[in-house]
Amino acid sequence: MPLTKRRHAYTYGDYLQLEADVPAARHEFVDGDISAMAGGSELHSALIAAVSGELYAQLRGTRCGLRESNLRVHIRATGNAFYPDAVVVCGEAEVIHEIRGGDSLVNPGVIVEVLSPSTEEYDRTAKFEDDYRFIPSLREYVLVSQDEPLIEVRARDEFGNWSSREYRAGEKARLATMDAALDVDLIYREAKKNVRVAT
C-alpha cells in the first residue's frame, strides 16, 4: 500500500542538523514536523530500566543485543525517526552513520515503549499504524503500561500479519523473536521498589 506524505516545513536534513546543533536534547521527526522529547516520570524511567535489565540478562550469549533509548530508529518507508525506550537487534545491526546528528538504526527486531499518560494513545495507535509496522525487520512491538501491571506484545507472523496478546500479573510476556520472557510481577516489583509515591 503506498504511503502518502504531507508537506511540512522541515526536511530530514533539517532534523539531523537540529540533532547535531542541540546534542543535549532528543527530537523525533514525523512527516516534516520536529518535536522535542519531554522527560518522563520516575516510574517511567524505572520501568524502562527494569525491562532493559531483564532483556539484557536474557540476551547474553545470543545473536540478539539490546540498545537503549539514545539510539534513533529511522523508518525508511516513511522517512520518520523516533527514539524508542529500548530496541533489540538480532543479527548484524544496520546503522546509518549520519554526517551530522548521530547514528540511525534501520533494522530493529523488537521495539519496546513504556507508556506515559501523554503518549499512550499515540504509541498504541498512530506511531505503530503509520510508522513502526512499516519496518521490515520488526517482529515484535512491546507496550509496557505505567498505570497497571500489563505488558502487551504485538507480533508479526511469517505472512506479515500482526496479532496482539496482553500479559498481566502472574504471567510472563513471551518474546518469540529472541526466545525471551518478561515476568510481569518481577518487572513491576523491581520498578516500584524504591519509587517515591506522590502524596
N, C-alpha and C. Protein backbone atom coordinates (compact mmCIF):
# COMPACT_ATOMS: atom_id res chain seq x y z
N MET A 1 0.84 -1.17 0.00
CA MET A 1 0.00 0.00 0.00
C MET A 1 0.89 1.24 0.00
N PRO A 2 0.66 2.20 -0.89
CA PRO A 2 1.52 3.38 -0.96
C PRO A 2 1.30 4.28 0.24
N LEU A 3 2.38 4.92 0.67
CA LEU A 3 2.31 5.84 1.79
C LEU A 3 2.19 7.26 1.26
N THR A 4 1.23 7.99 1.75
CA THR A 4 1.09 9.38 1.35
C THR A 4 1.77 10.26 2.39
N LYS A 5 2.45 11.30 1.95
CA LYS A 5 3.18 12.17 2.85
C LYS A 5 2.64 13.59 2.74
N ARG A 6 2.49 14.21 3.89
CA ARG A 6 2.09 15.61 3.91
C ARG A 6 3.32 16.50 3.75
N ARG A 7 3.12 17.70 3.27
CA ARG A 7 4.23 18.64 3.13
C ARG A 7 4.31 19.50 4.38
N HIS A 8 5.50 19.58 4.94
CA HIS A 8 5.74 20.41 6.12
C HIS A 8 7.01 21.21 5.90
N ALA A 9 7.31 22.03 6.88
CA ALA A 9 8.40 23.00 6.71
C ALA A 9 9.78 22.37 6.77
N TYR A 10 9.93 21.22 7.45
CA TYR A 10 11.26 20.69 7.70
C TYR A 10 11.57 19.44 6.88
N THR A 11 12.82 19.33 6.47
CA THR A 11 13.30 18.13 5.79
C THR A 11 14.01 17.25 6.82
N TYR A 12 14.30 16.02 6.42
CA TYR A 12 15.05 15.13 7.31
C TYR A 12 16.45 15.71 7.56
N GLY A 13 17.02 16.38 6.57
CA GLY A 13 18.31 17.03 6.75
C GLY A 13 18.24 18.14 7.79
N ASP A 14 17.14 18.92 7.76
CA ASP A 14 16.94 19.95 8.80
C ASP A 14 16.91 19.31 10.18
N TYR A 15 16.20 18.21 10.27
CA TYR A 15 16.07 17.49 11.54
C TYR A 15 17.44 17.02 12.05
N LEU A 16 18.24 16.42 11.18
CA LEU A 16 19.56 15.94 11.60
C LEU A 16 20.45 17.11 12.01
N GLN A 17 20.31 18.25 11.34
CA GLN A 17 21.09 19.42 11.72
C GLN A 17 20.71 19.89 13.12
N LEU A 18 19.43 19.88 13.42
CA LEU A 18 18.99 20.25 14.77
C LEU A 18 19.52 19.27 15.80
N GLU A 19 19.50 17.98 15.48
CA GLU A 19 20.04 16.98 16.40
C GLU A 19 21.52 17.24 16.66
N ALA A 20 22.25 17.65 15.63
CA ALA A 20 23.67 17.94 15.79
C ALA A 20 23.89 19.24 16.56
N ASP A 21 23.05 20.24 16.32
CA ASP A 21 23.20 21.54 16.97
C ASP A 21 22.81 21.53 18.44
N VAL A 22 21.89 20.63 18.80
CA VAL A 22 21.39 20.57 20.18
C VAL A 22 21.55 19.14 20.70
N PRO A 23 22.80 18.68 20.91
CA PRO A 23 23.01 17.29 21.29
C PRO A 23 22.48 16.92 22.67
N ALA A 24 22.23 17.91 23.52
CA ALA A 24 21.72 17.61 24.86
C ALA A 24 20.24 17.25 24.85
N ALA A 25 19.56 17.52 23.74
CA ALA A 25 18.13 17.21 23.64
C ALA A 25 17.90 16.21 22.52
N ARG A 26 16.82 15.42 22.65
CA ARG A 26 16.45 14.49 21.60
C ARG A 26 15.15 14.96 20.97
N HIS A 27 15.04 14.72 19.67
CA HIS A 27 13.86 15.14 18.93
C HIS A 27 13.38 13.98 18.07
N GLU A 28 12.09 13.95 17.79
CA GLU A 28 11.54 12.99 16.85
C GLU A 28 11.07 13.73 15.61
N PHE A 29 11.14 13.03 14.49
CA PHE A 29 10.79 13.61 13.19
C PHE A 29 9.62 12.83 12.61
N VAL A 30 8.48 13.50 12.43
CA VAL A 30 7.28 12.84 11.92
C VAL A 30 6.65 13.70 10.85
N ASP A 31 6.68 13.23 9.61
CA ASP A 31 6.03 13.89 8.47
C ASP A 31 6.40 15.36 8.37
N GLY A 32 7.68 15.66 8.56
CA GLY A 32 8.15 17.03 8.42
C GLY A 32 8.05 17.87 9.67
N ASP A 33 7.48 17.34 10.72
CA ASP A 33 7.40 18.05 12.00
C ASP A 33 8.51 17.55 12.92
N ILE A 34 9.14 18.45 13.66
CA ILE A 34 10.18 18.11 14.62
C ILE A 34 9.65 18.40 16.01
N SER A 35 9.69 17.39 16.88
CA SER A 35 9.18 17.54 18.24
C SER A 35 10.25 17.18 19.25
N ALA A 36 10.45 18.07 20.23
CA ALA A 36 11.38 17.77 21.32
C ALA A 36 10.74 16.74 22.23
N MET A 37 11.56 15.80 22.71
CA MET A 37 11.06 14.77 23.61
C MET A 37 11.12 15.26 25.05
N ALA A 38 10.00 15.17 25.74
CA ALA A 38 9.94 15.58 27.14
C ALA A 38 10.48 14.49 28.04
N GLY A 39 10.95 14.87 29.20
CA GLY A 39 11.41 13.89 30.18
C GLY A 39 10.24 13.11 30.74
N GLY A 40 10.53 11.89 31.21
CA GLY A 40 9.49 11.03 31.76
C GLY A 40 9.47 11.07 33.28
N SER A 41 8.48 10.40 33.85
CA SER A 41 8.36 10.33 35.30
C SER A 41 9.39 9.35 35.87
N GLU A 42 9.52 9.36 37.19
CA GLU A 42 10.43 8.42 37.85
C GLU A 42 10.01 6.99 37.57
N LEU A 43 8.71 6.71 37.64
CA LEU A 43 8.23 5.34 37.39
C LEU A 43 8.50 4.94 35.95
N HIS A 44 8.29 5.85 35.02
CA HIS A 44 8.57 5.58 33.60
C HIS A 44 10.03 5.15 33.44
N SER A 45 10.93 5.90 34.04
CA SER A 45 12.36 5.57 33.96
C SER A 45 12.66 4.23 34.61
N ALA A 46 12.04 3.97 35.76
CA ALA A 46 12.28 2.71 36.47
C ALA A 46 11.77 1.51 35.67
N LEU A 47 10.64 1.67 34.99
CA LEU A 47 10.12 0.58 34.16
C LEU A 47 11.03 0.30 32.97
N ILE A 48 11.55 1.35 32.34
CA ILE A 48 12.50 1.15 31.25
C ILE A 48 13.71 0.38 31.74
N ALA A 49 14.23 0.77 32.91
CA ALA A 49 15.41 0.11 33.47
C ALA A 49 15.12 -1.35 33.80
N ALA A 50 13.94 -1.62 34.37
CA ALA A 50 13.60 -3.00 34.75
C ALA A 50 13.46 -3.90 33.52
N VAL A 51 12.76 -3.40 32.50
CA VAL A 51 12.59 -4.18 31.27
C VAL A 51 13.94 -4.39 30.59
N SER A 52 14.72 -3.32 30.49
CA SER A 52 16.03 -3.42 29.84
C SER A 52 16.95 -4.38 30.57
N GLY A 53 16.93 -4.32 31.91
CA GLY A 53 17.78 -5.22 32.69
C GLY A 53 17.43 -6.68 32.45
N GLU A 54 16.13 -6.97 32.42
CA GLU A 54 15.70 -8.35 32.17
C GLU A 54 16.11 -8.81 30.77
N LEU A 55 15.90 -7.96 29.78
CA LEU A 55 16.26 -8.34 28.41
C LEU A 55 17.77 -8.49 28.27
N TYR A 56 18.52 -7.58 28.85
CA TYR A 56 19.99 -7.64 28.75
C TYR A 56 20.51 -8.96 29.30
N ALA A 57 20.00 -9.36 30.46
CA ALA A 57 20.45 -10.61 31.08
C ALA A 57 20.11 -11.81 30.22
N GLN A 58 18.92 -11.81 29.63
CA GLN A 58 18.49 -12.97 28.85
C GLN A 58 19.14 -13.04 27.47
N LEU A 59 19.61 -11.90 26.97
CA LEU A 59 20.20 -11.89 25.63
C LEU A 59 21.70 -12.16 25.61
N ARG A 60 22.32 -12.24 26.78
CA ARG A 60 23.76 -12.52 26.82
C ARG A 60 24.06 -13.83 26.12
N GLY A 61 25.06 -13.81 25.26
CA GLY A 61 25.48 -15.03 24.58
C GLY A 61 24.60 -15.43 23.41
N THR A 62 23.61 -14.62 23.06
CA THR A 62 22.75 -14.94 21.93
C THR A 62 23.11 -14.04 20.75
N ARG A 63 22.43 -14.22 19.64
CA ARG A 63 22.67 -13.40 18.45
C ARG A 63 21.97 -12.05 18.51
N CYS A 64 21.22 -11.82 19.59
CA CYS A 64 20.45 -10.59 19.73
C CYS A 64 21.08 -9.68 20.79
N GLY A 65 20.99 -8.38 20.56
CA GLY A 65 21.54 -7.42 21.50
C GLY A 65 20.59 -6.27 21.76
N LEU A 66 20.72 -5.68 22.94
CA LEU A 66 19.84 -4.61 23.37
C LEU A 66 20.47 -3.24 23.10
N ARG A 67 19.65 -2.28 22.67
CA ARG A 67 20.06 -0.89 22.54
C ARG A 67 19.09 -0.06 23.37
N GLU A 68 19.61 0.96 24.05
CA GLU A 68 18.73 1.78 24.87
C GLU A 68 18.28 3.02 24.12
N SER A 69 17.62 3.91 24.82
CA SER A 69 16.84 4.96 24.17
C SER A 69 17.64 6.09 23.54
N ASN A 70 18.96 6.05 23.59
CA ASN A 70 19.74 7.09 22.93
C ASN A 70 20.02 6.79 21.46
N LEU A 71 19.59 5.63 20.98
CA LEU A 71 19.80 5.29 19.57
C LEU A 71 18.51 5.55 18.78
N ARG A 72 18.64 6.39 17.79
CA ARG A 72 17.49 6.75 16.95
C ARG A 72 17.16 5.60 16.00
N VAL A 73 15.86 5.39 15.78
CA VAL A 73 15.38 4.43 14.78
C VAL A 73 14.79 5.23 13.62
N HIS A 74 15.29 4.96 12.41
CA HIS A 74 14.82 5.64 11.20
C HIS A 74 13.99 4.65 10.38
N ILE A 75 12.78 5.05 10.03
CA ILE A 75 11.90 4.19 9.23
C ILE A 75 12.02 4.64 7.77
N ARG A 76 12.67 3.81 6.98
CA ARG A 76 12.92 4.18 5.59
C ARG A 76 11.64 4.38 4.79
N ALA A 77 10.63 3.56 5.05
CA ALA A 77 9.40 3.61 4.27
C ALA A 77 8.64 4.91 4.45
N THR A 78 8.76 5.54 5.62
CA THR A 78 8.01 6.76 5.90
C THR A 78 8.92 7.99 6.00
N GLY A 79 10.23 7.76 6.21
CA GLY A 79 11.16 8.86 6.38
C GLY A 79 11.19 9.43 7.77
N ASN A 80 10.44 8.86 8.69
CA ASN A 80 10.34 9.39 10.05
C ASN A 80 11.37 8.76 10.98
N ALA A 81 11.55 9.38 12.15
CA ALA A 81 12.58 8.92 13.09
C ALA A 81 12.10 9.08 14.52
N PHE A 82 12.43 8.08 15.35
CA PHE A 82 11.98 8.05 16.74
C PHE A 82 13.11 7.55 17.64
N TYR A 83 12.92 7.77 18.94
CA TYR A 83 13.81 7.22 19.96
C TYR A 83 12.99 6.30 20.86
N PRO A 84 12.85 5.03 20.51
CA PRO A 84 12.10 4.11 21.38
C PRO A 84 12.80 3.95 22.73
N ASP A 85 12.05 3.48 23.72
CA ASP A 85 12.62 3.29 25.05
C ASP A 85 13.67 2.19 25.06
N ALA A 86 13.50 1.17 24.25
CA ALA A 86 14.51 0.11 24.10
C ALA A 86 14.28 -0.58 22.76
N VAL A 87 15.36 -1.13 22.22
CA VAL A 87 15.31 -1.81 20.93
C VAL A 87 16.17 -3.06 21.02
N VAL A 88 15.72 -4.13 20.39
CA VAL A 88 16.53 -5.34 20.27
C VAL A 88 16.85 -5.56 18.80
N VAL A 89 18.12 -5.85 18.53
CA VAL A 89 18.58 -6.16 17.18
C VAL A 89 19.08 -7.60 17.19
N CYS A 90 18.59 -8.39 16.26
CA CYS A 90 19.06 -9.78 16.13
C CYS A 90 19.86 -9.90 14.84
N GLY A 91 21.07 -10.42 14.95
CA GLY A 91 21.97 -10.43 13.81
C GLY A 91 22.72 -9.12 13.75
N GLU A 92 23.22 -8.79 12.58
CA GLU A 92 24.02 -7.57 12.44
C GLU A 92 23.15 -6.33 12.37
N ALA A 93 23.49 -5.34 13.19
CA ALA A 93 22.75 -4.08 13.17
C ALA A 93 23.07 -3.32 11.89
N GLU A 94 22.03 -2.79 11.28
CA GLU A 94 22.22 -1.93 10.10
C GLU A 94 22.07 -0.48 10.58
N VAL A 95 23.19 0.20 10.66
CA VAL A 95 23.22 1.54 11.22
C VAL A 95 23.73 2.52 10.17
N ILE A 96 23.03 3.63 10.06
CA ILE A 96 23.47 4.72 9.19
C ILE A 96 24.24 5.71 10.07
N HIS A 97 25.51 5.90 9.75
CA HIS A 97 26.32 6.88 10.47
C HIS A 97 26.12 8.22 9.77
N GLU A 98 25.15 8.96 10.28
CA GLU A 98 24.76 10.21 9.64
C GLU A 98 25.95 11.18 9.62
N ILE A 99 26.02 12.02 8.61
CA ILE A 99 27.08 13.04 8.53
C ILE A 99 26.99 13.96 9.73
N ARG A 100 25.79 14.21 10.19
CA ARG A 100 25.59 15.01 11.40
C ARG A 100 24.40 14.41 12.15
N GLY A 101 24.38 14.63 13.45
CA GLY A 101 23.21 14.21 14.23
C GLY A 101 23.23 12.79 14.75
N GLY A 102 24.39 12.10 14.72
CA GLY A 102 24.47 10.77 15.33
C GLY A 102 24.06 9.64 14.41
N ASP A 103 23.86 8.47 15.01
CA ASP A 103 23.56 7.24 14.27
C ASP A 103 22.07 6.96 14.20
N SER A 104 21.67 6.25 13.14
CA SER A 104 20.28 5.84 12.96
C SER A 104 20.23 4.34 12.67
N LEU A 105 19.50 3.61 13.49
CA LEU A 105 19.29 2.17 13.29
C LEU A 105 18.09 1.98 12.38
N VAL A 106 18.20 1.08 11.40
CA VAL A 106 17.07 0.87 10.49
C VAL A 106 16.50 -0.55 10.55
N ASN A 107 17.10 -1.45 11.34
CA ASN A 107 16.59 -2.82 11.35
C ASN A 107 16.33 -3.40 12.75
N PRO A 108 15.55 -2.70 13.57
CA PRO A 108 15.20 -3.29 14.87
C PRO A 108 14.33 -4.53 14.69
N GLY A 109 14.55 -5.53 15.55
CA GLY A 109 13.70 -6.71 15.55
C GLY A 109 12.56 -6.59 16.54
N VAL A 110 12.84 -5.89 17.64
CA VAL A 110 11.85 -5.66 18.70
C VAL A 110 11.96 -4.20 19.14
N ILE A 111 10.83 -3.55 19.31
CA ILE A 111 10.78 -2.20 19.87
C ILE A 111 9.96 -2.23 21.14
N VAL A 112 10.49 -1.59 22.19
CA VAL A 112 9.80 -1.51 23.47
C VAL A 112 9.46 -0.05 23.75
N GLU A 113 8.21 0.21 24.08
CA GLU A 113 7.78 1.54 24.51
C GLU A 113 7.09 1.41 25.86
N VAL A 114 7.57 2.17 26.85
CA VAL A 114 6.89 2.28 28.13
C VAL A 114 5.92 3.44 28.00
N LEU A 115 4.66 3.17 28.25
CA LEU A 115 3.62 4.16 28.00
C LEU A 115 3.58 5.21 29.11
N SER A 116 3.30 6.44 28.71
CA SER A 116 3.09 7.51 29.67
C SER A 116 1.74 8.15 29.35
N PRO A 117 1.14 8.86 30.31
CA PRO A 117 -0.19 9.43 30.04
C PRO A 117 -0.23 10.31 28.80
N SER A 118 0.85 11.04 28.53
CA SER A 118 0.83 11.97 27.40
C SER A 118 1.07 11.30 26.05
N THR A 119 1.65 10.09 26.05
CA THR A 119 1.98 9.45 24.77
C THR A 119 1.27 8.12 24.54
N GLU A 120 0.51 7.63 25.53
CA GLU A 120 -0.05 6.27 25.42
C GLU A 120 -0.90 6.09 24.18
N GLU A 121 -1.81 6.99 23.93
CA GLU A 121 -2.70 6.83 22.77
C GLU A 121 -1.90 6.82 21.47
N TYR A 122 -0.94 7.73 21.35
CA TYR A 122 -0.11 7.80 20.15
C TYR A 122 0.73 6.54 19.97
N ASP A 123 1.36 6.07 21.07
CA ASP A 123 2.18 4.86 21.00
C ASP A 123 1.35 3.64 20.59
N ARG A 124 0.12 3.58 21.07
CA ARG A 124 -0.74 2.43 20.78
C ARG A 124 -1.30 2.47 19.36
N THR A 125 -1.48 3.66 18.82
CA THR A 125 -2.18 3.77 17.53
C THR A 125 -1.27 4.29 16.42
N ALA A 126 -1.19 5.60 16.25
CA ALA A 126 -0.55 6.17 15.07
C ALA A 126 0.93 5.83 14.94
N LYS A 127 1.66 5.81 16.04
CA LYS A 127 3.09 5.51 15.93
C LYS A 127 3.29 4.11 15.35
N PHE A 128 2.44 3.18 15.76
CA PHE A 128 2.54 1.82 15.23
C PHE A 128 1.94 1.72 13.83
N GLU A 129 0.72 2.21 13.67
CA GLU A 129 -0.01 2.06 12.40
C GLU A 129 0.66 2.82 11.25
N ASP A 130 1.17 4.02 11.54
CA ASP A 130 1.71 4.87 10.49
C ASP A 130 3.21 4.72 10.28
N ASP A 131 3.91 4.12 11.25
CA ASP A 131 5.37 4.06 11.15
C ASP A 131 5.96 2.69 11.49
N TYR A 132 5.89 2.27 12.73
CA TYR A 132 6.63 1.08 13.15
C TYR A 132 6.31 -0.17 12.33
N ARG A 133 5.06 -0.36 11.97
CA ARG A 133 4.71 -1.59 11.25
C ARG A 133 5.29 -1.65 9.84
N PHE A 134 5.83 -0.52 9.36
CA PHE A 134 6.46 -0.50 8.04
C PHE A 134 7.96 -0.80 8.09
N ILE A 135 8.46 -1.16 9.27
CA ILE A 135 9.86 -1.58 9.39
C ILE A 135 9.93 -3.07 9.05
N PRO A 136 10.57 -3.46 7.95
CA PRO A 136 10.55 -4.86 7.52
C PRO A 136 11.10 -5.84 8.56
N SER A 137 12.11 -5.42 9.31
CA SER A 137 12.75 -6.31 10.28
C SER A 137 11.96 -6.47 11.57
N LEU A 138 11.00 -5.58 11.83
CA LEU A 138 10.31 -5.59 13.12
C LEU A 138 9.41 -6.81 13.25
N ARG A 139 9.62 -7.56 14.32
CA ARG A 139 8.83 -8.76 14.57
C ARG A 139 7.92 -8.62 15.78
N GLU A 140 8.33 -7.79 16.76
CA GLU A 140 7.50 -7.62 17.95
C GLU A 140 7.55 -6.17 18.44
N TYR A 141 6.42 -5.71 18.89
CA TYR A 141 6.28 -4.37 19.46
C TYR A 141 5.73 -4.56 20.86
N VAL A 142 6.48 -4.09 21.86
CA VAL A 142 6.15 -4.34 23.26
C VAL A 142 5.73 -3.04 23.91
N LEU A 143 4.53 -3.04 24.48
CA LEU A 143 3.97 -1.86 25.15
C LEU A 143 3.83 -2.16 26.63
N VAL A 144 4.51 -1.36 27.45
CA VAL A 144 4.54 -1.58 28.90
C VAL A 144 3.72 -0.48 29.56
N SER A 145 2.65 -0.87 30.24
CA SER A 145 1.77 0.10 30.88
C SER A 145 2.43 0.71 32.11
N GLN A 146 2.12 1.99 32.35
CA GLN A 146 2.63 2.64 33.54
C GLN A 146 1.57 2.63 34.65
N ASP A 147 0.31 2.41 34.28
CA ASP A 147 -0.78 2.52 35.23
C ASP A 147 -1.12 1.22 35.96
N GLU A 148 -0.76 0.09 35.35
CA GLU A 148 -1.09 -1.21 35.95
C GLU A 148 -0.11 -2.25 35.44
N PRO A 149 0.02 -3.38 36.15
CA PRO A 149 0.92 -4.44 35.67
C PRO A 149 0.37 -5.07 34.40
N LEU A 150 0.80 -4.57 33.26
CA LEU A 150 0.26 -5.01 31.97
C LEU A 150 1.31 -4.79 30.89
N ILE A 151 1.64 -5.85 30.18
CA ILE A 151 2.55 -5.79 29.05
C ILE A 151 1.84 -6.37 27.84
N GLU A 152 1.74 -5.57 26.78
CA GLU A 152 1.14 -6.03 25.53
C GLU A 152 2.25 -6.33 24.54
N VAL A 153 2.16 -7.47 23.88
CA VAL A 153 3.11 -7.84 22.85
C VAL A 153 2.37 -7.99 21.53
N ARG A 154 2.73 -7.16 20.56
CA ARG A 154 2.20 -7.30 19.21
C ARG A 154 3.27 -8.02 18.38
N ALA A 155 2.87 -9.09 17.73
CA ALA A 155 3.82 -9.93 17.00
C ALA A 155 3.39 -10.09 15.55
N ARG A 156 4.39 -10.10 14.65
CA ARG A 156 4.14 -10.29 13.23
C ARG A 156 4.53 -11.71 12.84
N ASP A 157 3.64 -12.40 12.14
CA ASP A 157 3.96 -13.76 11.72
C ASP A 157 4.68 -13.75 10.37
N GLU A 158 4.98 -14.94 9.86
CA GLU A 158 5.76 -15.02 8.63
C GLU A 158 5.03 -14.50 7.41
N PHE A 159 3.71 -14.32 7.53
CA PHE A 159 2.91 -13.80 6.42
C PHE A 159 2.71 -12.28 6.52
N GLY A 160 3.28 -11.67 7.56
CA GLY A 160 3.17 -10.24 7.74
C GLY A 160 1.96 -9.78 8.52
N ASN A 161 1.21 -10.74 9.08
CA ASN A 161 0.02 -10.38 9.85
C ASN A 161 0.39 -10.14 11.32
N TRP A 162 -0.22 -9.12 11.91
CA TRP A 162 0.05 -8.77 13.30
C TRP A 162 -1.05 -9.31 14.21
N SER A 163 -0.63 -9.80 15.37
CA SER A 163 -1.57 -10.22 16.41
C SER A 163 -1.12 -9.59 17.72
N SER A 164 -2.01 -9.54 18.69
CA SER A 164 -1.70 -8.90 19.96
C SER A 164 -2.11 -9.80 21.12
N ARG A 165 -1.26 -9.79 22.16
CA ARG A 165 -1.61 -10.52 23.39
C ARG A 165 -1.20 -9.70 24.59
N GLU A 166 -2.07 -9.67 25.59
CA GLU A 166 -1.78 -8.95 26.82
C GLU A 166 -1.37 -9.92 27.92
N TYR A 167 -0.39 -9.51 28.71
CA TYR A 167 0.09 -10.30 29.83
C TYR A 167 -0.06 -9.48 31.10
N ARG A 168 -0.65 -10.09 32.12
CA ARG A 168 -0.93 -9.38 33.37
C ARG A 168 -0.23 -10.05 34.55
N ALA A 169 -0.55 -9.58 35.75
CA ALA A 169 0.07 -10.10 36.96
C ALA A 169 0.01 -11.63 36.99
N GLY A 170 1.13 -12.25 37.36
CA GLY A 170 1.20 -13.71 37.41
C GLY A 170 1.58 -14.36 36.10
N GLU A 171 1.79 -13.55 35.05
CA GLU A 171 2.12 -14.11 33.73
C GLU A 171 3.50 -13.63 33.27
N LYS A 172 4.00 -14.30 32.26
CA LYS A 172 5.26 -13.91 31.63
C LYS A 172 4.99 -13.57 30.17
N ALA A 173 5.40 -12.37 29.77
CA ALA A 173 5.22 -11.94 28.39
C ALA A 173 6.27 -12.61 27.52
N ARG A 174 5.84 -13.43 26.58
CA ARG A 174 6.75 -14.18 25.72
C ARG A 174 7.16 -13.36 24.50
N LEU A 175 8.47 -13.33 24.26
CA LEU A 175 9.03 -12.65 23.09
C LEU A 175 9.71 -13.70 22.23
N ALA A 176 8.99 -14.15 21.21
CA ALA A 176 9.46 -15.27 20.39
C ALA A 176 10.67 -14.90 19.55
N THR A 177 10.81 -13.62 19.20
CA THR A 177 11.91 -13.20 18.34
C THR A 177 13.26 -13.63 18.87
N MET A 178 13.44 -13.53 20.20
CA MET A 178 14.73 -13.90 20.78
C MET A 178 14.58 -14.90 21.91
N ASP A 179 13.44 -15.61 21.96
CA ASP A 179 13.21 -16.65 22.96
C ASP A 179 13.45 -16.10 24.36
N ALA A 180 12.81 -14.99 24.67
CA ALA A 180 12.93 -14.36 25.98
C ALA A 180 11.54 -14.18 26.57
N ALA A 181 11.52 -13.84 27.85
CA ALA A 181 10.24 -13.63 28.53
C ALA A 181 10.40 -12.52 29.56
N LEU A 182 9.36 -11.73 29.72
CA LEU A 182 9.34 -10.68 30.73
C LEU A 182 8.32 -11.08 31.79
N ASP A 183 8.81 -11.34 33.00
CA ASP A 183 7.95 -11.70 34.13
C ASP A 183 7.26 -10.42 34.61
N VAL A 184 5.95 -10.35 34.43
CA VAL A 184 5.21 -9.13 34.74
C VAL A 184 5.38 -8.74 36.20
N ASP A 185 5.22 -9.70 37.11
CA ASP A 185 5.35 -9.39 38.54
C ASP A 185 6.74 -8.87 38.87
N LEU A 186 7.76 -9.51 38.33
CA LEU A 186 9.13 -9.11 38.61
C LEU A 186 9.42 -7.71 38.07
N ILE A 187 9.00 -7.44 36.86
CA ILE A 187 9.26 -6.13 36.24
C ILE A 187 8.66 -5.02 37.10
N TYR A 188 7.41 -5.17 37.48
CA TYR A 188 6.74 -4.10 38.21
C TYR A 188 7.21 -4.02 39.66
N ARG A 189 7.54 -5.16 40.25
CA ARG A 189 8.09 -5.13 41.62
C ARG A 189 9.43 -4.41 41.64
N GLU A 190 10.30 -4.72 40.70
CA GLU A 190 11.61 -4.07 40.65
C GLU A 190 11.48 -2.59 40.33
N ALA A 191 10.57 -2.26 39.43
CA ALA A 191 10.41 -0.85 39.04
C ALA A 191 9.88 0.00 40.18
N LYS A 192 9.00 -0.58 40.99
CA LYS A 192 8.32 0.21 42.02
C LYS A 192 8.99 0.15 43.40
N LYS A 193 10.01 -0.67 43.55
CA LYS A 193 10.51 -0.93 44.91
C LYS A 193 11.06 0.29 45.64
N ASN A 194 11.58 1.26 44.92
CA ASN A 194 12.07 2.45 45.61
C ASN A 194 11.64 3.75 44.91
N VAL A 195 10.53 3.65 44.19
CA VAL A 195 9.95 4.84 43.56
C VAL A 195 9.14 5.60 44.60
N ARG A 196 9.38 6.88 44.70
CA ARG A 196 8.66 7.70 45.67
C ARG A 196 7.20 7.84 45.27
N VAL A 197 6.33 7.59 46.19
CA VAL A 197 4.89 7.72 45.95
C VAL A 197 4.47 9.15 46.22
N ALA A 198 3.80 9.75 45.24
CA ALA A 198 3.34 11.14 45.41
C ALA A 198 2.28 11.21 46.49
N THR A 199 2.36 12.28 47.32
CA THR A 199 1.38 12.43 48.40
C THR A 199 0.58 13.70 48.22
